[in-house]
């Protein structure tokens, strides 16, 4: 009798636990929201490269770079590529990228109103307030982000990447979303 009750208890436990383990994959559970699952990045790399969201700089400055096949696109003052996220709403007053998303795609934040570099239309620059009170730089109404795997000026490894629920693109000084496919990019050479 005891063994049949024990067996029945194990059977019931298996039916309760099994559905949780076999839950269908969704946008939230398929790994796309896990920064360690960024295309081409191992979990070890993510631990080394994906840090907490950086503090805002005193005054953000939006500049441009020009490379094939993209043409001219927005960067920060150090030449790091800036991206827009199609899940955001152009002209909206909020970002849709927080938590693990903001680790993989750090927002470009500033304490002072952003400045425009050469070829950048100052009238298209703005800011939105993030949930933590920081000011995120916008261009033509799109919140701007970096990509954690872009290490060197001119890197554009996030271009066209489908991640965190949508695609990420470079943006031109005219406010156009650049959907050109990236060229094959070589791995950085070790010094």
N, C-alpha and C. Protein backbone atom coordinates (compact mmCIF):
# COMPACT_ATOMS: atom_id res chain seq x y z
N UNK A 1 0.83 -1.19 0.00
CA UNK A 1 0.00 0.00 0.00
C UNK A 1 0.87 1.25 0.00
N UNK A 2 1.92 1.21 0.89
CA UNK A 2 2.80 2.36 0.96
C UNK A 2 3.48 2.60 -0.39
N UNK A 3 3.93 1.53 -1.03
CA UNK A 3 4.63 1.69 -2.30
C UNK A 3 3.70 2.23 -3.38
N UNK A 4 2.41 1.84 -3.37
CA UNK A 4 1.50 2.36 -4.40
C UNK A 4 1.19 3.83 -4.14
N UNK A 5 1.12 4.26 -2.86
CA UNK A 5 0.91 5.68 -2.56
C UNK A 5 2.13 6.49 -2.97
N UNK A 6 3.31 5.95 -2.69
CA UNK A 6 4.54 6.63 -3.06
C UNK A 6 4.63 6.76 -4.58
N UNK A 7 4.33 5.68 -5.28
CA UNK A 7 4.37 5.71 -6.74
C UNK A 7 3.35 6.71 -7.26
N UNK A 8 2.15 6.75 -6.67
CA UNK A 8 1.12 7.71 -7.08
C UNK A 8 1.57 9.13 -6.85
N UNK A 9 2.26 9.38 -5.73
CA UNK A 9 2.76 10.73 -5.44
C UNK A 9 3.81 11.17 -6.44
N UNK A 10 4.67 10.23 -6.82
CA UNK A 10 5.70 10.56 -7.80
C UNK A 10 5.06 10.84 -9.15
N UNK A 11 4.05 10.06 -9.51
CA UNK A 11 3.36 10.25 -10.77
C UNK A 11 2.68 11.63 -10.81
N UNK A 12 2.01 12.01 -9.71
CA UNK A 12 1.36 13.33 -9.64
C UNK A 12 2.41 14.42 -9.75
N UNK A 13 3.52 14.27 -9.03
CA UNK A 13 4.59 15.27 -9.08
C UNK A 13 5.13 15.41 -10.50
N UNK A 14 5.26 14.30 -11.20
CA UNK A 14 5.76 14.34 -12.57
C UNK A 14 4.82 15.12 -13.47
N UNK A 15 3.49 14.95 -13.30
CA UNK A 15 2.53 15.68 -14.11
C UNK A 15 2.52 17.16 -13.78
N UNK A 16 2.81 17.52 -12.55
CA UNK A 16 2.83 18.93 -12.16
C UNK A 16 4.10 19.60 -12.67
N UNK A 17 5.26 18.94 -12.57
CA UNK A 17 6.52 19.53 -12.96
C UNK A 17 6.71 19.50 -14.47
N UNK A 18 6.31 18.42 -15.14
CA UNK A 18 6.56 18.26 -16.57
C UNK A 18 6.03 19.41 -17.41
N UNK A 19 4.79 19.89 -17.20
CA UNK A 19 4.35 21.00 -18.04
C UNK A 19 5.21 22.24 -17.88
N UNK A 20 5.71 22.50 -16.69
CA UNK A 20 6.56 23.67 -16.50
C UNK A 20 7.86 23.52 -17.28
N UNK A 21 8.39 22.30 -17.31
CA UNK A 21 9.64 22.07 -18.03
C UNK A 21 9.42 22.08 -19.53
N UNK A 22 8.24 21.70 -19.96
CA UNK A 22 7.95 21.60 -21.38
C UNK A 22 7.21 22.81 -21.91
N UNK A 23 7.25 23.92 -21.18
CA UNK A 23 6.52 25.12 -21.61
C UNK A 23 7.00 25.53 -22.99
N UNK A 24 6.09 25.94 -23.85
CA UNK A 24 6.51 26.34 -25.19
C UNK A 24 7.38 27.59 -25.13
N UNK A 25 8.29 27.68 -26.09
CA UNK A 25 9.15 28.85 -26.13
C UNK A 25 8.34 30.05 -26.61
N UNK A 26 8.57 31.18 -25.98
CA UNK A 26 7.91 32.42 -26.36
C UNK A 26 8.98 33.46 -26.59
N UNK A 27 8.55 34.67 -26.95
CA UNK A 27 9.51 35.76 -27.13
C UNK A 27 10.29 36.01 -25.85
N UNK A 28 9.68 35.68 -24.70
CA UNK A 28 10.36 35.92 -23.44
C UNK A 28 11.25 34.75 -23.04
N UNK A 29 11.01 33.55 -23.56
CA UNK A 29 11.77 32.40 -23.10
C UNK A 29 12.65 31.78 -24.17
N UNK A 30 12.66 32.33 -25.39
CA UNK A 30 13.43 31.66 -26.44
C UNK A 30 14.91 32.03 -26.45
N UNK A 31 15.35 32.77 -25.45
CA UNK A 31 16.76 33.12 -25.39
C UNK A 31 17.07 34.46 -26.02
N UNK A 32 16.14 35.04 -26.79
CA UNK A 32 16.41 36.32 -27.43
C UNK A 32 16.56 37.46 -26.44
N UNK A 33 16.01 37.33 -25.25
CA UNK A 33 16.11 38.39 -24.27
C UNK A 33 17.30 38.18 -23.34
N UNK A 34 18.09 37.16 -23.57
CA UNK A 34 19.24 36.88 -22.74
C UNK A 34 20.47 37.46 -23.41
N UNK A 35 21.12 38.47 -22.79
CA UNK A 35 22.26 39.08 -23.46
C UNK A 35 23.38 38.11 -23.75
N UNK A 36 23.45 36.99 -23.04
CA UNK A 36 24.50 36.01 -23.34
C UNK A 36 24.21 35.28 -24.64
N UNK A 37 23.00 35.46 -25.19
CA UNK A 37 22.64 34.81 -26.44
C UNK A 37 22.79 35.74 -27.64
N UNK A 38 23.48 36.86 -27.49
CA UNK A 38 23.72 37.75 -28.61
C UNK A 38 24.50 36.97 -29.65
N UNK A 39 24.07 37.09 -30.90
CA UNK A 39 24.71 36.36 -31.98
C UNK A 39 26.22 36.55 -31.95
N UNK A 40 26.93 35.44 -31.92
CA UNK A 40 28.38 35.48 -31.94
C UNK A 40 29.05 35.72 -30.60
N UNK A 41 28.26 35.81 -29.52
CA UNK A 41 28.85 36.08 -28.21
C UNK A 41 28.62 34.90 -27.29
N UNK A 42 29.71 34.37 -26.75
CA UNK A 42 29.59 33.25 -25.81
C UNK A 42 29.22 33.79 -24.43
N UNK A 43 28.68 32.93 -23.55
CA UNK A 43 28.39 33.39 -22.18
C UNK A 43 29.62 33.97 -21.48
N UNK A 44 30.81 33.41 -21.76
CA UNK A 44 32.04 33.92 -21.15
C UNK A 44 32.30 35.36 -21.60
N UNK A 45 32.12 35.60 -22.91
CA UNK A 45 32.30 36.96 -23.43
C UNK A 45 31.30 37.91 -22.80
N UNK A 46 30.06 37.44 -22.64
CA UNK A 46 29.03 38.32 -22.08
C UNK A 46 29.39 38.72 -20.66
N UNK A 47 29.95 37.79 -19.89
CA UNK A 47 30.34 38.13 -18.53
C UNK A 47 31.44 39.18 -18.53
N UNK A 48 32.33 39.13 -19.51
CA UNK A 48 33.44 40.08 -19.57
C UNK A 48 33.01 41.42 -20.15
N UNK A 49 32.15 41.40 -21.17
CA UNK A 49 31.86 42.62 -21.90
C UNK A 49 30.57 43.32 -21.47
N UNK A 50 29.58 42.58 -21.03
CA UNK A 50 28.30 43.21 -20.72
C UNK A 50 28.29 43.66 -19.27
N UNK A 51 28.50 44.93 -19.09
CA UNK A 51 28.51 45.50 -17.76
C UNK A 51 27.21 46.24 -17.52
N UNK A 52 27.08 46.77 -16.33
CA UNK A 52 25.89 47.57 -16.02
C UNK A 52 25.84 48.78 -16.95
N UNK A 53 24.65 49.32 -17.13
CA UNK A 53 24.47 50.48 -17.98
C UNK A 53 25.40 51.60 -17.52
N UNK A 54 26.15 52.21 -18.44
CA UNK A 54 27.10 53.25 -18.04
C UNK A 54 26.40 54.49 -17.51
N UNK A 55 27.12 55.25 -16.68
CA UNK A 55 26.60 56.52 -16.19
C UNK A 55 26.54 57.51 -17.34
N UNK A 56 25.62 58.48 -17.25
CA UNK A 56 25.56 59.49 -18.31
C UNK A 56 26.85 60.31 -18.36
N UNK A 57 27.21 60.74 -19.55
CA UNK A 57 28.36 61.64 -19.67
C UNK A 57 27.86 63.06 -19.46
N UNK A 58 28.78 64.00 -19.24
CA UNK A 58 28.38 65.38 -18.97
C UNK A 58 27.54 65.94 -20.12
N UNK A 59 28.11 65.91 -21.33
CA UNK A 59 27.36 66.37 -22.50
C UNK A 59 27.64 65.45 -23.67
N UNK A 60 26.61 64.73 -24.08
CA UNK A 60 26.72 63.85 -25.23
C UNK A 60 26.95 64.70 -26.48
N UNK A 61 27.72 64.15 -27.39
CA UNK A 61 27.95 64.82 -28.67
C UNK A 61 27.72 63.79 -29.76
N UNK A 62 26.82 64.09 -30.67
CA UNK A 62 26.51 63.19 -31.78
C UNK A 62 27.33 63.64 -32.98
N UNK A 63 28.11 62.70 -33.51
CA UNK A 63 28.97 62.92 -34.67
C UNK A 63 28.54 61.96 -35.77
N UNK A 64 29.31 61.89 -36.84
CA UNK A 64 29.03 60.94 -37.92
C UNK A 64 30.30 60.22 -38.33
N UNK A 65 30.10 59.07 -38.96
CA UNK A 65 31.17 58.32 -39.60
C UNK A 65 30.62 57.93 -40.96
N UNK A 66 31.48 57.55 -41.87
CA UNK A 66 31.03 57.13 -43.19
C UNK A 66 31.79 55.89 -43.59
N UNK A 67 31.07 54.80 -43.81
CA UNK A 67 31.66 53.52 -44.21
C UNK A 67 30.71 52.80 -45.16
N UNK A 68 31.31 52.02 -46.03
CA UNK A 68 30.51 51.17 -46.93
C UNK A 68 30.02 49.97 -46.16
N UNK A 69 28.84 49.45 -46.38
CA UNK A 69 27.88 49.88 -47.38
C UNK A 69 26.85 50.87 -46.83
N UNK A 70 27.08 51.42 -45.64
CA UNK A 70 26.05 52.21 -44.97
C UNK A 70 25.98 53.66 -45.41
N UNK A 71 27.10 54.21 -45.86
CA UNK A 71 27.16 55.65 -46.08
C UNK A 71 27.44 56.34 -44.75
N UNK A 72 26.91 57.55 -44.60
CA UNK A 72 27.14 58.33 -43.37
C UNK A 72 26.11 57.93 -42.32
N UNK A 73 26.57 57.72 -41.07
CA UNK A 73 25.67 57.33 -39.98
C UNK A 73 26.15 57.95 -38.67
N UNK A 74 25.28 57.95 -37.66
CA UNK A 74 25.55 58.61 -36.39
C UNK A 74 26.48 57.79 -35.50
N UNK A 75 27.35 58.52 -34.79
CA UNK A 75 28.23 57.94 -33.78
C UNK A 75 28.27 58.89 -32.58
N UNK A 76 28.93 58.46 -31.52
CA UNK A 76 29.19 59.39 -30.43
C UNK A 76 30.50 60.12 -30.72
N UNK A 77 30.97 60.93 -29.77
CA UNK A 77 32.18 61.72 -29.99
C UNK A 77 33.43 60.87 -30.10
N UNK A 78 33.36 59.60 -29.69
CA UNK A 78 34.50 58.69 -29.80
C UNK A 78 34.43 57.78 -31.02
N UNK A 79 33.45 57.99 -31.88
CA UNK A 79 33.32 57.19 -33.10
C UNK A 79 32.58 55.88 -32.92
N UNK A 80 31.95 55.66 -31.75
CA UNK A 80 31.19 54.42 -31.53
C UNK A 80 29.80 54.56 -32.16
N UNK A 81 29.41 53.54 -32.90
CA UNK A 81 28.14 53.55 -33.63
C UNK A 81 26.95 53.70 -32.70
N UNK A 82 25.95 54.45 -33.18
CA UNK A 82 24.68 54.63 -32.46
C UNK A 82 23.57 53.98 -33.26
N UNK A 83 22.66 53.32 -32.55
CA UNK A 83 21.58 52.55 -33.18
C UNK A 83 20.22 53.03 -32.71
N UNK A 84 19.21 52.77 -33.55
CA UNK A 84 17.82 52.91 -33.14
C UNK A 84 17.22 51.51 -33.07
N UNK A 85 16.15 51.37 -32.29
CA UNK A 85 15.48 50.08 -32.07
C UNK A 85 14.06 50.19 -32.60
N UNK A 86 13.67 49.29 -33.51
CA UNK A 86 12.35 49.40 -34.12
C UNK A 86 11.20 49.18 -33.15
N UNK A 87 11.48 48.62 -31.96
CA UNK A 87 10.41 48.46 -30.97
C UNK A 87 10.05 49.80 -30.32
N UNK A 88 10.98 50.76 -30.36
CA UNK A 88 10.68 52.10 -29.84
C UNK A 88 9.73 52.80 -30.80
N UNK A 89 9.06 53.81 -30.29
CA UNK A 89 8.15 54.60 -31.12
C UNK A 89 8.84 55.91 -31.47
N UNK A 90 8.97 56.19 -32.76
CA UNK A 90 9.59 57.44 -33.17
C UNK A 90 8.76 58.61 -32.63
N UNK A 91 9.42 59.51 -31.93
CA UNK A 91 8.74 60.66 -31.35
C UNK A 91 8.08 60.36 -30.01
N UNK A 92 8.18 59.10 -29.55
CA UNK A 92 7.62 58.75 -28.25
C UNK A 92 8.48 59.35 -27.14
N UNK A 93 7.96 59.32 -25.92
CA UNK A 93 8.71 59.92 -24.82
C UNK A 93 9.25 58.86 -23.87
N UNK A 94 9.49 57.65 -24.37
CA UNK A 94 10.01 56.57 -23.53
C UNK A 94 10.80 55.58 -24.37
N UNK A 95 11.63 54.79 -23.69
CA UNK A 95 12.40 53.72 -24.32
C UNK A 95 11.73 52.39 -23.99
N UNK A 96 11.85 51.42 -24.87
CA UNK A 96 11.35 50.08 -24.59
C UNK A 96 12.48 49.13 -24.19
N UNK A 97 13.69 49.66 -24.03
CA UNK A 97 14.86 48.82 -23.77
C UNK A 97 15.37 49.03 -22.35
N UNK A 98 15.10 48.05 -21.49
CA UNK A 98 15.52 48.10 -20.08
C UNK A 98 16.10 46.74 -19.68
N UNK A 99 16.65 46.68 -18.49
CA UNK A 99 17.18 45.46 -17.89
C UNK A 99 18.19 44.80 -18.82
N UNK A 100 18.01 43.51 -19.17
CA UNK A 100 19.01 42.83 -19.99
C UNK A 100 19.18 43.49 -21.35
N UNK A 101 18.11 44.07 -21.86
CA UNK A 101 18.20 44.79 -23.14
C UNK A 101 19.18 45.96 -23.01
N UNK A 102 19.06 46.74 -21.94
CA UNK A 102 19.92 47.91 -21.76
C UNK A 102 21.35 47.53 -21.41
N UNK A 103 21.59 46.27 -21.06
CA UNK A 103 22.97 45.81 -20.86
C UNK A 103 23.59 45.49 -22.22
N UNK A 104 22.85 44.79 -23.07
CA UNK A 104 23.35 44.47 -24.41
C UNK A 104 23.37 45.70 -25.31
N UNK A 105 22.41 46.62 -25.09
CA UNK A 105 22.27 47.82 -25.91
C UNK A 105 22.23 49.04 -24.99
N UNK A 106 23.38 49.46 -24.45
CA UNK A 106 23.37 50.58 -23.50
C UNK A 106 22.82 51.86 -24.13
N UNK A 107 21.93 52.54 -23.43
CA UNK A 107 21.40 53.81 -23.94
C UNK A 107 22.49 54.89 -23.92
N UNK A 108 22.42 55.80 -24.86
CA UNK A 108 23.35 56.93 -24.91
C UNK A 108 22.74 58.02 -24.04
N UNK A 109 23.31 58.23 -22.86
CA UNK A 109 22.72 59.16 -21.89
C UNK A 109 23.62 60.35 -21.64
N UNK A 110 23.01 61.44 -21.22
CA UNK A 110 23.70 62.70 -21.05
C UNK A 110 23.12 63.47 -19.88
N UNK A 111 23.93 64.33 -19.27
CA UNK A 111 23.43 65.19 -18.21
C UNK A 111 22.98 66.54 -18.77
N UNK A 112 23.68 67.03 -19.79
CA UNK A 112 23.35 68.30 -20.45
C UNK A 112 22.69 68.01 -21.79
N UNK A 113 21.99 68.98 -22.38
CA UNK A 113 21.44 68.76 -23.72
C UNK A 113 22.56 68.34 -24.68
N UNK A 114 22.27 67.41 -25.58
CA UNK A 114 23.32 66.93 -26.49
C UNK A 114 23.75 67.99 -27.49
N UNK A 115 25.02 67.87 -27.93
CA UNK A 115 25.59 68.78 -28.91
C UNK A 115 25.66 68.08 -30.26
N UNK A 116 25.61 68.87 -31.33
CA UNK A 116 25.67 68.34 -32.69
C UNK A 116 27.05 68.56 -33.27
N UNK A 117 27.62 67.50 -33.82
CA UNK A 117 28.89 67.59 -34.54
C UNK A 117 28.64 67.96 -35.99
N UNK A 118 29.73 67.94 -36.77
CA UNK A 118 29.63 68.24 -38.19
C UNK A 118 28.70 67.24 -38.88
N UNK A 119 27.89 67.72 -39.81
CA UNK A 119 26.92 66.92 -40.58
C UNK A 119 25.71 66.49 -39.75
N UNK A 120 25.62 66.89 -38.48
CA UNK A 120 24.50 66.49 -37.62
C UNK A 120 23.56 67.68 -37.48
N UNK A 121 22.27 67.45 -37.68
CA UNK A 121 21.25 68.49 -37.58
C UNK A 121 20.85 68.67 -36.11
N UNK A 122 21.28 69.77 -35.50
CA UNK A 122 21.01 70.03 -34.08
C UNK A 122 19.51 70.04 -33.79
N UNK A 123 18.69 70.42 -34.76
CA UNK A 123 17.23 70.46 -34.55
C UNK A 123 16.63 69.06 -34.39
N UNK A 124 17.34 68.03 -34.84
CA UNK A 124 16.84 66.66 -34.72
C UNK A 124 17.23 66.02 -33.38
N UNK A 125 18.14 66.66 -32.65
CA UNK A 125 18.59 66.13 -31.36
C UNK A 125 17.58 66.43 -30.26
N UNK A 126 17.46 65.52 -29.32
CA UNK A 126 16.60 65.73 -28.16
C UNK A 126 16.95 64.72 -27.09
N UNK A 127 16.12 64.65 -26.06
CA UNK A 127 16.30 63.67 -24.99
C UNK A 127 14.93 63.18 -24.54
N UNK A 128 14.93 61.98 -23.98
CA UNK A 128 13.76 61.45 -23.26
C UNK A 128 14.25 61.06 -21.87
N UNK A 129 13.33 61.02 -20.94
CA UNK A 129 13.71 60.62 -19.59
C UNK A 129 13.47 59.13 -19.43
N UNK A 130 14.51 58.42 -18.98
CA UNK A 130 14.39 56.99 -18.72
C UNK A 130 13.80 56.78 -17.33
N UNK A 131 13.42 55.53 -17.04
CA UNK A 131 12.78 55.21 -15.76
C UNK A 131 13.65 55.57 -14.56
N UNK A 132 14.98 55.53 -14.74
CA UNK A 132 15.88 55.86 -13.62
C UNK A 132 16.16 57.35 -13.53
N UNK A 133 15.53 58.15 -14.38
CA UNK A 133 15.69 59.60 -14.34
C UNK A 133 16.79 60.13 -15.24
N UNK A 134 17.60 59.24 -15.84
CA UNK A 134 18.65 59.71 -16.75
C UNK A 134 18.02 60.18 -18.06
N UNK A 135 18.75 61.04 -18.76
CA UNK A 135 18.29 61.59 -20.03
C UNK A 135 18.95 60.83 -21.18
N UNK A 136 18.14 60.18 -22.01
CA UNK A 136 18.67 59.44 -23.16
C UNK A 136 18.60 60.32 -24.40
N UNK A 137 19.69 60.35 -25.15
CA UNK A 137 19.76 61.15 -26.37
C UNK A 137 18.85 60.54 -27.43
N UNK A 138 18.14 61.41 -28.16
CA UNK A 138 17.31 60.97 -29.28
C UNK A 138 17.77 61.72 -30.53
N UNK A 139 17.47 61.12 -31.68
CA UNK A 139 17.73 61.79 -32.96
C UNK A 139 16.54 61.55 -33.85
N UNK A 140 15.96 62.64 -34.33
CA UNK A 140 14.76 62.58 -35.16
C UNK A 140 13.67 61.78 -34.47
N UNK A 141 13.64 61.85 -33.13
CA UNK A 141 12.62 61.17 -32.34
C UNK A 141 12.96 59.75 -31.94
N UNK A 142 14.10 59.20 -32.38
CA UNK A 142 14.48 57.82 -32.05
C UNK A 142 15.48 57.83 -30.88
N UNK A 143 15.21 57.11 -29.79
CA UNK A 143 16.22 56.95 -28.74
C UNK A 143 17.45 56.25 -29.32
N UNK A 144 18.63 56.68 -28.87
CA UNK A 144 19.89 56.15 -29.40
C UNK A 144 20.56 55.22 -28.40
N UNK A 145 21.18 54.16 -28.95
CA UNK A 145 21.83 53.12 -28.14
C UNK A 145 23.18 52.75 -28.75
N UNK A 146 24.05 52.21 -27.92
CA UNK A 146 25.27 51.55 -28.37
C UNK A 146 24.99 50.05 -28.43
N UNK A 147 25.94 49.28 -28.96
CA UNK A 147 25.87 47.82 -28.91
C UNK A 147 27.10 47.34 -28.16
N UNK A 148 26.90 46.47 -27.17
CA UNK A 148 27.99 46.05 -26.28
C UNK A 148 29.14 45.37 -27.02
N UNK A 149 28.87 44.73 -28.18
CA UNK A 149 29.95 44.05 -28.90
C UNK A 149 30.77 44.99 -29.77
N UNK A 150 30.30 46.22 -29.97
CA UNK A 150 31.09 47.20 -30.72
C UNK A 150 32.20 47.70 -29.80
N UNK A 151 33.41 47.26 -30.04
CA UNK A 151 34.53 47.60 -29.17
C UNK A 151 35.31 48.79 -29.71
N UNK A 152 35.51 48.83 -31.03
CA UNK A 152 36.37 49.85 -31.63
C UNK A 152 35.53 50.87 -32.40
N UNK A 153 36.04 52.12 -32.52
CA UNK A 153 35.35 53.09 -33.38
C UNK A 153 35.18 52.49 -34.78
N UNK A 154 34.02 52.68 -35.35
CA UNK A 154 33.74 52.13 -36.67
C UNK A 154 33.11 50.76 -36.66
N UNK A 155 33.16 50.03 -35.52
CA UNK A 155 32.45 48.75 -35.44
C UNK A 155 30.95 49.00 -35.59
N UNK A 156 30.29 48.13 -36.33
CA UNK A 156 28.83 48.22 -36.49
C UNK A 156 28.25 46.81 -36.46
N UNK A 157 28.67 46.03 -35.46
CA UNK A 157 28.25 44.63 -35.37
C UNK A 157 26.77 44.47 -35.06
N UNK A 158 26.13 45.52 -34.56
CA UNK A 158 24.70 45.45 -34.25
C UNK A 158 23.80 45.77 -35.42
N UNK A 159 24.37 46.23 -36.54
CA UNK A 159 23.55 46.65 -37.68
C UNK A 159 22.70 45.51 -38.20
N UNK A 160 21.37 45.74 -38.20
CA UNK A 160 20.42 44.76 -38.72
C UNK A 160 20.20 43.56 -37.83
N UNK A 161 20.77 43.58 -36.63
CA UNK A 161 20.65 42.43 -35.73
C UNK A 161 19.24 42.34 -35.17
N UNK A 162 18.65 41.18 -35.27
CA UNK A 162 17.33 40.89 -34.70
C UNK A 162 17.56 40.40 -33.28
N UNK A 163 17.24 41.24 -32.28
CA UNK A 163 17.56 40.92 -30.89
C UNK A 163 16.62 41.67 -29.96
N UNK A 164 16.26 41.04 -28.86
CA UNK A 164 15.40 41.64 -27.84
C UNK A 164 14.04 42.06 -28.39
N UNK A 165 13.54 41.29 -29.35
CA UNK A 165 12.19 41.53 -29.85
C UNK A 165 12.10 42.38 -31.10
N UNK A 166 13.21 42.75 -31.68
CA UNK A 166 13.13 43.55 -32.90
C UNK A 166 14.49 43.82 -33.49
N UNK A 167 14.52 44.45 -34.68
CA UNK A 167 15.79 44.76 -35.31
C UNK A 167 16.36 46.10 -34.83
N UNK A 168 17.69 46.21 -34.96
CA UNK A 168 18.46 47.40 -34.57
C UNK A 168 19.16 47.91 -35.81
N UNK A 169 19.12 49.24 -36.02
CA UNK A 169 19.72 49.81 -37.22
C UNK A 169 20.49 51.08 -36.90
N UNK A 170 21.50 51.33 -37.74
CA UNK A 170 22.17 52.62 -37.75
C UNK A 170 21.19 53.65 -38.30
N UNK A 171 21.47 54.92 -38.03
CA UNK A 171 20.60 55.99 -38.51
C UNK A 171 21.45 57.07 -39.16
N UNK A 172 20.95 57.62 -40.25
CA UNK A 172 21.71 58.63 -40.99
C UNK A 172 21.51 60.02 -40.37
N UNK A 173 22.37 60.99 -40.72
CA UNK A 173 22.19 62.35 -40.24
C UNK A 173 20.88 62.99 -40.72
N UNK A 174 20.31 62.43 -41.79
CA UNK A 174 19.01 62.90 -42.29
C UNK A 174 17.85 62.26 -41.55
N UNK A 175 18.16 61.39 -40.59
CA UNK A 175 17.11 60.72 -39.81
C UNK A 175 16.59 59.45 -40.47
N UNK A 176 17.23 58.99 -41.53
CA UNK A 176 16.79 57.78 -42.22
C UNK A 176 17.34 56.54 -41.52
N UNK A 177 16.50 55.51 -41.41
CA UNK A 177 16.93 54.23 -40.86
C UNK A 177 17.70 53.50 -41.96
N UNK A 178 18.94 53.12 -41.67
CA UNK A 178 19.78 52.46 -42.66
C UNK A 178 19.62 50.95 -42.54
N UNK A 179 18.95 50.35 -43.50
CA UNK A 179 18.66 48.92 -43.42
C UNK A 179 19.59 48.09 -44.31
N UNK A 180 20.65 48.71 -44.83
CA UNK A 180 21.61 47.98 -45.64
C UNK A 180 22.22 46.86 -44.82
N UNK A 181 22.47 45.74 -45.47
CA UNK A 181 23.10 44.61 -44.78
C UNK A 181 24.55 44.95 -44.50
N UNK A 182 25.05 44.50 -43.35
CA UNK A 182 26.46 44.79 -43.04
C UNK A 182 27.39 43.99 -43.93
N UNK A 183 28.56 44.55 -44.17
CA UNK A 183 29.60 43.80 -44.88
C UNK A 183 30.14 42.75 -43.93
N UNK A 184 30.81 41.74 -44.49
CA UNK A 184 31.45 40.76 -43.62
C UNK A 184 32.46 41.49 -42.76
N UNK A 185 32.38 41.30 -41.46
CA UNK A 185 33.29 41.99 -40.56
C UNK A 185 34.26 40.99 -39.95
N UNK A 186 35.52 41.30 -40.04
CA UNK A 186 36.54 40.41 -39.48
C UNK A 186 36.56 40.55 -37.97
N UNK A 187 37.00 39.48 -37.31
CA UNK A 187 37.18 39.52 -35.86
C UNK A 187 38.33 40.46 -35.55
N UNK A 188 38.25 41.22 -34.44
CA UNK A 188 39.37 42.10 -34.09
C UNK A 188 40.65 41.29 -33.88
N UNK A 189 41.76 41.85 -34.30
CA UNK A 189 43.05 41.21 -34.15
C UNK A 189 43.54 41.46 -32.72
N UNK A 190 44.05 40.38 -32.10
CA UNK A 190 44.58 40.52 -30.74
C UNK A 190 45.87 41.32 -30.79
N UNK A 191 46.08 42.28 -29.86
CA UNK A 191 47.30 43.08 -29.89
C UNK A 191 48.52 42.24 -29.52
